[in-house]
Each structure stands twice: as structure tokens, then as C-alpha cells.
Amino acid sequence: MEFDYTNLREFIKINFRTLKGFAVFLGIGTTQLGQRLSNKVPFTQKEIDKVANGMPAGKLDMETIDSLFFRKK
């Protein structure tokens, strides 16, 4: 199953400015992030949880998490 990460890419631009900044936040490399965004490797529960609960602005609601990580192509 493939996911549409368009909303996640926009979220990254707004909150981290670059893919590298987001990768650093997640604790992964830019190559690993690229694999996830191209549906070659799935995001881990730990990575999704970090975005959901570890943002400086506060926790994200389930609707936002769904739109970022679980929107099907």
C-alpha cells in the first residue's frame, strides 16, 4: 500500500524548512527520509510518535497525524 505524503512535505516546509532539518529531528539520515517519502520504507511507529507528540508547538491531533502519514494514494 502506498501513501500520499503531500501534506507531510508541506508540514516539513512549514515547520523544518528542509528535509535535512526534519531528518535530524527524527534521528535519521536524509537518504532514509527519502526512502520513507517515496514509499520504499515505511515510517516507524517511533518516528510517527515523535512527530505526533514531540513538536515544540505541542501535540498534534489524530486528524492531523492521519493527514500527514496515512493518506492513501
PDB file of N, CA and C in Angstrom:
ATOM      1  N   MET A   1       0.836  -1.167   0.000  1.00  0.00           N
ATOM      2  CA  MET A   1       0.000   0.000   0.000  1.00  0.00           C
ATOM      3  C   MET A   1       0.890   1.244   0.000  1.00  0.00           C
ATOM      4  N   GLU A   2       0.571   2.189  -0.853  1.00  0.00           N
ATOM      5  CA  GLU A   2       1.343   3.426  -0.920  1.00  0.00           C
ATOM      6  C   GLU A   2       0.564   4.572  -0.296  1.00  0.00           C
ATOM      7  N   PHE A   3       1.317   5.474   0.324  1.00  0.00           N
ATOM      8  CA  PHE A   3       0.715   6.630   0.968  1.00  0.00           C
ATOM      9  C   PHE A   3       1.122   7.905   0.242  1.00  0.00           C
ATOM     10  N   ASP A   4       0.245   8.893   0.306  1.00  0.00           N
ATOM     11  CA  ASP A   4       0.475  10.207  -0.294  1.00  0.00           C
ATOM     12  C   ASP A   4       1.021  11.122   0.796  1.00  0.00           C
ATOM     13  N   TYR A   5       2.273  11.514   0.664  1.00  0.00           N
ATOM     14  CA  TYR A   5       2.916  12.339   1.677  1.00  0.00           C
ATOM     15  C   TYR A   5       2.959  13.820   1.302  1.00  0.00           C
ATOM     16  N   THR A   6       2.052  14.259   0.437  1.00  0.00           N
ATOM     17  CA  THR A   6       1.996  15.667   0.041  1.00  0.00           C
ATOM     18  C   THR A   6       1.815  16.566   1.262  1.00  0.00           C
ATOM     19  N   ASN A   7       0.885  16.221   2.136  1.00  0.00           N
ATOM     20  CA  ASN A   7       0.648  17.035   3.341  1.00  0.00           C
ATOM     21  C   ASN A   7       1.851  17.007   4.274  1.00  0.00           C
ATOM     22  N   LEU A   8       2.513  15.869   4.361  1.00  0.00           N
ATOM     23  CA  LEU A   8       3.706  15.778   5.204  1.00  0.00           C
ATOM     24  C   LEU A   8       4.817  16.661   4.646  1.00  0.00           C
ATOM     25  N   ARG A   9       4.987  16.666   3.345  1.00  0.00           N
ATOM     26  CA  ARG A   9       6.019  17.518   2.737  1.00  0.00           C
ATOM     27  C   ARG A   9       5.752  19.000   3.033  1.00  0.00           C
ATOM     28  N   GLU A  10       4.497  19.407   2.969  1.00  0.00           N
ATOM     29  CA  GLU A  10       4.137  20.794   3.289  1.00  0.00           C
ATOM     30  C   GLU A  10       4.390  21.083   4.772  1.00  0.00           C
ATOM     31  N   PHE A  11       4.049  20.141   5.630  1.00  0.00           N
ATOM     32  CA  PHE A  11       4.307  20.257   7.063  1.00  0.00           C
ATOM     33  C   PHE A  11       5.810  20.433   7.322  1.00  0.00           C
ATOM     34  N   ILE A  12       6.618  19.670   6.607  1.00  0.00           N
ATOM     35  CA  ILE A  12       8.076  19.767   6.752  1.00  0.00           C
ATOM     36  C   ILE A  12       8.552  21.155   6.345  1.00  0.00           C
ATOM     37  N   LYS A  13       8.067  21.670   5.212  1.00  0.00           N
ATOM     38  CA  LYS A  13       8.462  23.011   4.751  1.00  0.00           C
ATOM     39  C   LYS A  13       8.125  24.076   5.786  1.00  0.00           C
ATOM     40  N   ILE A  14       6.925  23.990   6.341  1.00  0.00           N
ATOM     41  CA  ILE A  14       6.466  24.998   7.302  1.00  0.00           C
ATOM     42  C   ILE A  14       7.226  24.905   8.621  1.00  0.00           C
ATOM     43  N   ASN A  15       7.424  23.701   9.120  1.00  0.00           N
ATOM     44  CA  ASN A  15       7.978  23.520  10.463  1.00  0.00           C
ATOM     45  C   ASN A  15       9.484  23.299  10.530  1.00  0.00           C
ATOM     46  N   PHE A  16      10.077  22.798   9.450  1.00  0.00           N
ATOM     47  CA  PHE A  16      11.504  22.466   9.486  1.00  0.00           C
ATOM     48  C   PHE A  16      12.304  23.108   8.357  1.00  0.00           C
ATOM     49  N   ARG A  17      11.616  23.674   7.381  1.00  0.00           N
ATOM     50  CA  ARG A  17      12.193  24.343   6.218  1.00  0.00           C
ATOM     51  C   ARG A  17      12.867  23.389   5.242  1.00  0.00           C
ATOM     52  N   THR A  18      13.569  22.375   5.735  1.00  0.00           N
ATOM     53  CA  THR A  18      14.279  21.460   4.837  1.00  0.00           C
ATOM     54  C   THR A  18      14.043  20.008   5.244  1.00  0.00           C
ATOM     55  N   LEU A  19      14.252  19.119   4.283  1.00  0.00           N
ATOM     56  CA  LEU A  19      14.173  17.689   4.586  1.00  0.00           C
ATOM     57  C   LEU A  19      15.255  17.303   5.589  1.00  0.00           C
ATOM     58  N   LYS A  20      16.421  17.928   5.465  1.00  0.00           N
ATOM     59  CA  LYS A  20      17.516  17.626   6.388  1.00  0.00           C
ATOM     60  C   LYS A  20      17.130  17.973   7.827  1.00  0.00           C
ATOM     61  N   GLY A  21      16.494  19.120   8.016  1.00  0.00           N
ATOM     62  CA  GLY A  21      16.055  19.516   9.353  1.00  0.00           C
ATOM     63  C   GLY A  21      15.069  18.525   9.947  1.00  0.00           C
ATOM     64  N   PHE A  22      14.161  18.030   9.111  1.00  0.00           N
ATOM     65  CA  PHE A  22      13.186  17.044   9.575  1.00  0.00           C
ATOM     66  C   PHE A  22      13.872  15.717   9.880  1.00  0.00           C
ATOM     67  N   ALA A  23      14.816  15.327   9.030  1.00  0.00           N
ATOM     68  CA  ALA A  23      15.551  14.081   9.257  1.00  0.00           C
ATOM     69  C   ALA A  23      16.312  14.135  10.583  1.00  0.00           C
ATOM     70  N   VAL A  24      16.942  15.259  10.861  1.00  0.00           N
ATOM     71  CA  VAL A  24      17.661  15.423  12.132  1.00  0.00           C
ATOM     72  C   VAL A  24      16.689  15.299  13.302  1.00  0.00           C
ATOM     73  N   PHE A  25      15.524  15.939  13.195  1.00  0.00           N
ATOM     74  CA  PHE A  25      14.500  15.849  14.241  1.00  0.00           C
ATOM     75  C   PHE A  25      14.109  14.393  14.494  1.00  0.00           C
ATOM     76  N   LEU A  26      13.946  13.612  13.419  1.00  0.00           N
ATOM     77  CA  LEU A  26      13.558  12.206  13.556  1.00  0.00           C
ATOM     78  C   LEU A  26      14.710  11.316  14.014  1.00  0.00           C
ATOM     79  N   GLY A  27      15.943  11.792  13.832  1.00  0.00           N
ATOM     80  CA  GLY A  27      17.101  10.982  14.192  1.00  0.00           C
ATOM     81  C   GLY A  27      17.497   9.998  13.107  1.00  0.00           C
ATOM     82  N   ILE A  28      17.184  10.348  11.848  1.00  0.00           N
ATOM     83  CA  ILE A  28      17.542   9.503  10.707  1.00  0.00           C
ATOM     84  C   ILE A  28      18.285  10.352   9.683  1.00  0.00           C
ATOM     85  N   GLY A  29      18.889   9.698   8.702  1.00  0.00           N
ATOM     86  CA  GLY A  29      19.584  10.406   7.647  1.00  0.00           C
ATOM     87  C   GLY A  29      18.628  10.864   6.550  1.00  0.00           C
ATOM     88  N   THR A  30      19.113  11.743   5.700  1.00  0.00           N
ATOM     89  CA  THR A  30      18.273  12.244   4.607  1.00  0.00           C
ATOM     90  C   THR A  30      17.953  11.149   3.595  1.00  0.00           C
ATOM     91  N   THR A  31      18.869  10.207   3.404  1.00  0.00           N
ATOM     92  CA  THR A  31      18.595   9.087   2.499  1.00  0.00           C
ATOM     93  C   THR A  31      17.457   8.238   3.047  1.00  0.00           C
ATOM     94  N   GLN A  32      17.489   7.957   4.338  1.00  0.00           N
ATOM     95  CA  GLN A  32      16.408   7.186   4.963  1.00  0.00           C
ATOM     96  C   GLN A  32      15.080   7.926   4.858  1.00  0.00           C
ATOM     97  N   LEU A  33      15.100   9.235   5.061  1.00  0.00           N
ATOM     98  CA  LEU A  33      13.873  10.020   4.936  1.00  0.00           C
ATOM     99  C   LEU A  33      13.354   9.964   3.506  1.00  0.00           C
ATOM    100  N   GLY A  34      14.241  10.079   2.541  1.00  0.00           N
ATOM    101  CA  GLY A  34      13.836   9.985   1.140  1.00  0.00           C
ATOM    102  C   GLY A  34      13.179   8.651   0.823  1.00  0.00           C
ATOM    103  N   GLN A  35      13.707   7.577   1.390  1.00  0.00           N
ATOM    104  CA  GLN A  35      13.112   6.253   1.181  1.00  0.00           C
ATOM    105  C   GLN A  35      11.704   6.183   1.764  1.00  0.00           C
ATOM    106  N   ARG A  36      11.510   6.828   2.886  1.00  0.00           N
ATOM    107  CA  ARG A  36      10.184   6.825   3.507  1.00  0.00           C
ATOM    108  C   ARG A  36       9.197   7.655   2.686  1.00  0.00           C
ATOM    109  N   LEU A  37       9.628   8.829   2.244  1.00  0.00           N
ATOM    110  CA  LEU A  37       8.747   9.710   1.475  1.00  0.00           C
ATOM    111  C   LEU A  37       8.420   9.146   0.094  1.00  0.00           C
ATOM    112  N   SER A  38       9.252   8.237  -0.405  1.00  0.00           N
ATOM    113  CA  SER A  38       8.987   7.614  -1.711  1.00  0.00           C
ATOM    114  C   SER A  38       8.345   6.232  -1.564  1.00  0.00           C
ATOM    115  N   ASN A  39       7.888   5.912  -0.365  1.00  0.00           N
ATOM    116  CA  ASN A  39       7.173   4.658  -0.092  1.00  0.00           C
ATOM    117  C   ASN A  39       8.019   3.402  -0.265  1.00  0.00           C
ATOM    118  N   LYS A  40       9.337   3.528  -0.182  1.00  0.00           N
ATOM    119  CA  LYS A  40      10.199   2.349  -0.272  1.00  0.00           C
ATOM    120  C   LYS A  40      10.360   1.685   1.091  1.00  0.00           C
ATOM    121  N   VAL A  41      10.311   2.489   2.147  1.00  0.00           N
ATOM    122  CA  VAL A  41      10.434   2.015   3.526  1.00  0.00           C
ATOM    123  C   VAL A  41       9.351   2.734   4.331  1.00  0.00           C
ATOM    124  N   PRO A  42       8.616   2.025   5.186  1.00  0.00           N
ATOM    125  CA  PRO A  42       7.563   2.701   5.962  1.00  0.00           C
ATOM    126  C   PRO A  42       8.140   3.528   7.116  1.00  0.00           C
ATOM    127  N   PHE A  43       7.421   4.579   7.490  1.00  0.00           N
ATOM    128  CA  PHE A  43       7.762   5.309   8.706  1.00  0.00           C
ATOM    129  C   PHE A  43       7.522   4.371   9.884  1.00  0.00           C
ATOM    130  N   THR A  44       8.393   4.444  10.882  1.00  0.00           N
ATOM    131  CA  THR A  44       8.229   3.597  12.063  1.00  0.00           C
ATOM    132  C   THR A  44       7.237   4.239  13.032  1.00  0.00           C
ATOM    133  N   GLN A  45       6.723   3.429  13.937  1.00  0.00           N
ATOM    134  CA  GLN A  45       5.832   3.959  14.974  1.00  0.00           C
ATOM    135  C   GLN A  45       6.552   5.011  15.806  1.00  0.00           C
ATOM    136  N   LYS A  46       7.820   4.778  16.078  1.00  0.00           N
ATOM    137  CA  LYS A  46       8.615   5.721  16.869  1.00  0.00           C
ATOM    138  C   LYS A  46       8.719   7.073  16.162  1.00  0.00           C
ATOM    139  N   GLU A  47       8.930   7.054  14.848  1.00  0.00           N
ATOM    140  CA  GLU A  47       9.039   8.302  14.084  1.00  0.00           C
ATOM    141  C   GLU A  47       7.710   9.048  14.055  1.00  0.00           C
ATOM    142  N   ILE A  48       6.629   8.319  13.827  1.00  0.00           N
ATOM    143  CA  ILE A  48       5.305   8.948  13.802  1.00  0.00           C
ATOM    144  C   ILE A  48       4.975   9.514  15.179  1.00  0.00           C
ATOM    145  N   ASP A  49       5.293   8.770  16.231  1.00  0.00           N
ATOM    146  CA  ASP A  49       5.050   9.243  17.593  1.00  0.00           C
ATOM    147  C   ASP A  49       5.850  10.502  17.894  1.00  0.00           C
ATOM    148  N   LYS A  50       7.072  10.569  17.402  1.00  0.00           N
ATOM    149  CA  LYS A  50       7.903  11.749  17.647  1.00  0.00           C
ATOM    150  C   LYS A  50       7.269  12.984  17.021  1.00  0.00           C
ATOM    151  N   VAL A  51       6.717  12.838  15.820  1.00  0.00           N
ATOM    152  CA  VAL A  51       6.038  13.961  15.175  1.00  0.00           C
ATOM    153  C   VAL A  51       4.752  14.293  15.937  1.00  0.00           C
ATOM    154  N   ALA A  52       4.009  13.274  16.315  1.00  0.00           N
ATOM    155  CA  ALA A  52       2.719  13.485  16.983  1.00  0.00           C
ATOM    156  C   ALA A  52       2.866  14.142  18.351  1.00  0.00           C
ATOM    157  N   ASN A  53       3.889  13.769  19.083  1.00  0.00           N
ATOM    158  CA  ASN A  53       4.000  14.207  20.475  1.00  0.00           C
ATOM    159  C   ASN A  53       5.230  15.046  20.798  1.00  0.00           C
ATOM    160  N   GLY A  54       6.152  15.180  19.856  1.00  0.00           N
ATOM    161  CA  GLY A  54       7.405  15.852  20.160  1.00  0.00           C
ATOM    162  C   GLY A  54       7.613  17.202  19.506  1.00  0.00           C
ATOM    163  N   MET A  55       6.569  17.745  18.902  1.00  0.00           N
ATOM    164  CA  MET A  55       6.707  19.047  18.254  1.00  0.00           C
ATOM    165  C   MET A  55       6.781  20.143  19.317  1.00  0.00           C
ATOM    166  N   PRO A  56       7.655  21.132  19.124  1.00  0.00           N
ATOM    167  CA  PRO A  56       7.760  22.229  20.101  1.00  0.00           C
ATOM    168  C   PRO A  56       6.431  22.958  20.339  1.00  0.00           C
ATOM    169  N   ALA A  57       5.585  23.024  19.312  1.00  0.00           N
ATOM    170  CA  ALA A  57       4.302  23.728  19.447  1.00  0.00           C
ATOM    171  C   ALA A  57       3.263  22.897  20.193  1.00  0.00           C
ATOM    172  N   GLY A  58       3.570  21.642  20.485  1.00  0.00           N
ATOM    173  CA  GLY A  58       2.639  20.785  21.210  1.00  0.00           C
ATOM    174  C   GLY A  58       2.214  19.578  20.406  1.00  0.00           C
ATOM    175  N   LYS A  59       1.385  18.764  21.031  1.00  0.00           N
ATOM    176  CA  LYS A  59       0.914  17.527  20.401  1.00  0.00           C
ATOM    177  C   LYS A  59       0.007  17.824  19.216  1.00  0.00           C
ATOM    178  N   LEU A  60       0.077  16.943  18.225  1.00  0.00           N
ATOM    179  CA  LEU A  60      -0.807  17.044  17.066  1.00  0.00           C
ATOM    180  C   LEU A  60      -2.018  16.152  17.290  1.00  0.00           C
ATOM    181  N   ASP A  61      -3.167  16.564  16.765  1.00  0.00           N
ATOM    182  CA  ASP A  61      -4.366  15.739  16.921  1.00  0.00           C
ATOM    183  C   ASP A  61      -4.354  14.590  15.913  1.00  0.00           C
ATOM    184  N   MET A  62      -5.203  13.610  16.155  1.00  0.00           N
ATOM    185  CA  MET A  62      -5.238  12.407  15.311  1.00  0.00           C
ATOM    186  C   MET A  62      -5.585  12.723  13.856  1.00  0.00           C
ATOM    187  N   GLU A  63      -6.450  13.686  13.633  1.00  0.00           N
ATOM    188  CA  GLU A  63      -6.819  14.062  12.268  1.00  0.00           C
ATOM    189  C   GLU A  63      -5.600  14.567  11.502  1.00  0.00           C
ATOM    190  N   THR A  64      -4.776  15.354  12.162  1.00  0.00           N
ATOM    191  CA  THR A  64      -3.559  15.866  11.529  1.00  0.00           C
ATOM    192  C   THR A  64      -2.585  14.732  11.244  1.00  0.00           C
ATOM    193  N   ILE A  65      -2.389  13.846  12.205  1.00  0.00           N
ATOM    194  CA  ILE A  65      -1.490  12.702  12.012  1.00  0.00           C
ATOM    195  C   ILE A  65      -1.967  11.847  10.845  1.00  0.00           C
ATOM    196  N   ASP A  66      -3.266  11.595  10.787  1.00  0.00           N
ATOM    197  CA  ASP A  66      -3.827  10.823   9.667  1.00  0.00           C
ATOM    198  C   ASP A  66      -3.530  11.491   8.335  1.00  0.00           C
ATOM    199  N   SER A  67      -3.689  12.807   8.272  1.00  0.00           N
ATOM    200  CA  SER A  67      -3.474  13.505   7.003  1.00  0.00           C
ATOM    201  C   SER A  67      -1.996  13.541   6.610  1.00  0.00           C
ATOM    202  N   LEU A  68      -1.104  13.491   7.594  1.00  0.00           N
ATOM    203  CA  LEU A  68       0.334  13.517   7.307  1.00  0.00           C
ATOM    204  C   LEU A  68       0.870  12.149   6.896  1.00  0.00           C
ATOM    205  N   PHE A  69       0.448  11.093   7.596  1.00  0.00           N
ATOM    206  CA  PHE A  69       1.075   9.786   7.425  1.00  0.00           C
ATOM    207  C   PHE A  69       0.208   8.687   6.813  1.00  0.00           C
ATOM    208  N   PHE A  70      -1.100   8.840   6.803  1.00  0.00           N
ATOM    209  CA  PHE A  70      -1.953   7.715   6.415  1.00  0.00           C
ATOM    210  C   PHE A  70      -2.915   8.014   5.274  1.00  0.00           C
ATOM    211  N   ARG A  71      -2.626   9.031   4.492  1.00  0.00           N
ATOM    212  CA  ARG A  71      -3.456   9.357   3.334  1.00  0.00           C
ATOM    213  C   ARG A  71      -3.037   8.453   2.175  1.00  0.00           C
ATOM    214  N   LYS A  72      -3.955   7.637   1.709  1.00  0.00           N
ATOM    215  CA  LYS A  72      -3.631   6.677   0.649  1.00  0.00           C
ATOM    216  C   LYS A  72      -3.567   7.361  -0.706  1.00  0.00           C
ATOM    217  N   LYS A  73      -2.699   6.817  -1.564  1.00  0.00           N
ATOM    218  CA  LYS A  73      -2.594   7.323  -2.938  1.00  0.00           C
ATOM    219  C   LYS A  73      -3.782   6.893  -3.737  1.00  0.00           C
TER     220      LYS A  73
END
